[in-house]
Amino acid sequence: MTAEPTPHTPTPVAPARSAAEATRTVVQEFLTARLAGDTGRLTELFADEVDWLLAENPAVPWIRPRRTAAECAAQAEELAAHTVPEQSRASVDTFLVDGTDAVVTGHVAGTVRATGKSFEGPFALRLTVENGRITRHHLYENSLSIAEACTP
């Protein structure tokens, strides 16, 4: 006697949907906390160790290597300290999720407090969420525009 699959047998698609839904939820929480400058919540959302990638840029004080949840979350505070909040803007054009990976693209602009110069350009952010926490944060942005805005 052979067991026949029933219509109620889970398919391999169900776990992927669950992972994608969990990823989408965490990334939405991350974006909300980032916009609010909620460093405590950001620290909770980042894993203990994060694969952080943001091209080093010695002219930009908030761009530096990071690894821990607290270091990654602090980037939001450092950015806010060095830019003019009323002149900072970010918009999201695309938010794609595939299992544990998410990609957010959009546009960012701001003004550096120390120089009064503005920067702007597109960005792409790749995040990976595992066990409800962000384990990968790779940001690609217009680093030339940002460096020029930071240079007196």
Protein backbone atom coordinates (compact mmCIF):
# COMPACT_ATOMS: atom_id res chain seq x y z
CA MET A 1 0.00 0.00 0.00
CA THR A 2 1.41 3.38 -1.05
CA ALA A 3 0.40 6.64 0.53
CA GLU A 4 -0.98 9.06 -2.05
CA PRO A 5 -0.39 12.79 -1.60
CA THR A 6 -3.48 14.58 -0.44
CA PRO A 7 -4.57 18.09 -1.37
CA HIS A 8 -3.55 19.10 2.15
CA THR A 9 0.10 18.08 1.74
CA PRO A 10 2.26 21.21 2.17
CA THR A 11 4.22 22.22 -0.90
CA PRO A 12 7.76 23.59 -0.87
CA VAL A 13 6.31 27.03 -1.68
CA ALA A 14 4.75 27.47 1.78
CA PRO A 15 8.05 27.79 3.70
CA ALA A 16 9.37 30.30 1.15
CA ARG A 17 6.23 32.39 1.59
CA SER A 18 6.68 32.32 5.35
CA ALA A 19 10.33 33.38 5.06
CA ALA A 20 9.39 36.15 2.62
CA GLU A 21 6.59 37.38 4.88
CA ALA A 22 8.93 37.40 7.89
CA THR A 23 11.59 39.24 5.88
CA ARG A 24 9.09 41.81 4.63
CA THR A 25 7.86 42.46 8.18
CA VAL A 26 11.37 42.94 9.61
CA VAL A 27 12.44 45.20 6.75
CA GLN A 28 9.31 47.32 7.15
CA GLU A 29 10.06 47.61 10.88
CA PHE A 30 13.66 48.55 10.01
CA LEU A 31 12.53 51.29 7.61
CA THR A 32 10.07 52.65 10.19
CA ALA A 33 12.71 52.66 12.96
CA ARG A 34 15.29 54.21 10.61
CA LEU A 35 12.91 57.01 9.64
CA ALA A 36 12.07 57.64 13.31
CA GLY A 37 15.74 57.53 14.37
CA ASP A 38 14.84 54.82 16.90
CA THR A 39 18.31 53.48 17.70
CA GLY A 40 16.98 51.13 20.39
CA ARG A 41 14.62 49.42 17.96
CA LEU A 42 17.31 49.33 15.25
CA THR A 43 19.68 47.61 17.69
CA GLU A 44 17.00 44.99 18.36
CA LEU A 45 16.48 44.42 14.63
CA PHE A 46 20.16 43.92 13.78
CA ALA A 47 21.79 40.57 14.53
CA ASP A 48 24.64 40.44 17.06
CA GLU A 49 27.07 40.37 14.11
CA VAL A 50 26.18 41.94 10.77
CA ASP A 51 27.71 41.61 7.32
CA TRP A 52 27.89 45.40 6.78
CA LEU A 53 28.98 46.81 3.45
CA LEU A 54 29.12 50.51 2.66
CA ALA A 55 32.05 51.76 0.60
CA GLU A 56 34.50 53.43 2.96
CA ASN A 57 34.64 57.16 2.43
CA PRO A 58 37.13 59.04 4.65
CA ALA A 59 35.48 62.40 3.85
CA VAL A 60 32.15 61.25 5.29
CA PRO A 61 32.05 60.97 9.11
CA TRP A 62 29.08 58.58 9.30
CA ILE A 63 30.44 56.10 6.75
CA ARG A 64 32.78 53.61 8.37
CA PRO A 65 33.07 49.86 8.88
CA ARG A 66 30.53 48.39 11.30
CA ARG A 67 29.91 44.88 12.61
CA THR A 68 27.80 44.78 15.78
CA ALA A 69 24.10 45.56 16.19
CA ALA A 70 24.90 48.68 18.24
CA GLU A 71 27.45 49.95 15.69
CA CYS A 72 25.00 49.42 12.82
CA ALA A 73 22.14 51.11 14.66
CA ALA A 74 24.37 54.06 15.60
CA GLN A 75 24.82 54.93 11.92
CA ALA A 76 21.36 56.53 11.93
CA GLU A 77 22.30 58.80 14.86
CA GLU A 78 25.63 59.71 13.28
CA LEU A 79 23.96 60.60 9.98
CA ALA A 80 21.41 62.77 11.82
CA ALA A 81 24.16 64.54 13.78
CA HIS A 82 26.03 65.51 10.62
CA THR A 83 23.11 66.53 8.40
CA VAL A 84 20.33 69.10 8.56
CA PRO A 85 17.14 67.16 9.47
CA GLU A 86 14.77 69.60 7.75
CA GLN A 87 16.67 69.15 4.49
CA SER A 88 16.95 65.35 4.55
CA ARG A 89 14.75 63.32 2.24
CA ALA A 90 14.47 59.69 1.28
CA SER A 91 11.99 57.91 -0.92
CA VAL A 92 11.52 54.24 -1.72
CA ASP A 93 10.84 53.26 -5.32
CA THR A 94 11.04 49.48 -5.07
CA PHE A 95 10.83 46.93 -2.27
CA LEU A 96 11.51 43.36 -3.40
CA VAL A 97 11.57 40.27 -1.20
CA ASP A 98 12.79 36.78 -2.06
CA GLY A 99 12.86 34.44 0.92
CA THR A 100 15.30 35.86 3.47
CA ASP A 101 16.63 38.55 1.11
CA ALA A 102 15.20 41.99 0.44
CA VAL A 103 16.25 44.83 -1.87
CA VAL A 104 15.06 48.38 -1.39
CA THR A 105 15.83 51.03 -4.00
CA GLY A 106 15.09 54.70 -3.94
CA HIS A 107 16.47 58.20 -3.76
CA VAL A 108 18.18 60.03 -0.89
CA ALA A 109 19.10 63.69 -0.45
CA GLY A 110 20.37 65.87 2.33
CA THR A 111 22.53 68.74 3.44
CA VAL A 112 25.73 68.38 5.45
CA ARG A 113 25.57 70.54 8.57
CA ALA A 114 29.30 71.49 8.64
CA THR A 115 29.52 72.66 5.02
CA GLY A 116 25.97 73.61 4.07
CA LYS A 117 26.45 71.60 0.87
CA SER A 118 23.79 69.24 -0.46
CA PHE A 119 24.01 65.69 -1.78
CA GLU A 120 21.56 63.51 -3.61
CA GLY A 121 21.32 60.36 -5.62
CA PRO A 122 19.88 56.90 -5.95
CA PHE A 123 20.48 54.10 -3.48
CA ALA A 124 20.06 50.34 -3.35
CA LEU A 125 19.95 48.50 -0.04
CA ARG A 126 20.28 44.72 0.18
CA LEU A 127 19.21 43.18 3.47
CA THR A 128 19.12 39.59 4.68
CA VAL A 129 16.86 38.59 7.57
CA GLU A 130 17.49 35.40 9.53
CA ASN A 131 15.64 34.39 12.69
CA GLY A 132 13.88 37.75 12.74
CA ARG A 133 17.06 39.86 12.67
CA ILE A 134 19.05 41.61 9.96
CA THR A 135 22.28 39.73 9.25
CA ARG A 136 23.30 41.52 6.05
CA HIS A 137 23.18 45.28 5.30
CA HIS A 138 24.79 46.24 1.98
CA LEU A 139 24.17 49.82 0.89
CA TYR A 140 25.08 51.21 -2.52
CA GLU A 141 24.70 54.96 -2.94
CA ASN A 142 26.07 58.04 -4.68
CA SER A 143 29.19 58.24 -2.53
CA LEU A 144 30.83 60.89 -4.76
CA SER A 145 27.98 63.35 -4.18
CA ILE A 146 28.10 62.68 -0.42
CA ALA A 147 31.90 63.09 -0.25
CA GLU A 148 31.73 66.37 -2.20
CA ALA A 149 29.07 67.68 0.19
CA CYS A 150 31.28 66.83 3.19
CA THR A 151 34.37 68.53 1.73
CA PRO A 152 34.73 72.24 2.63
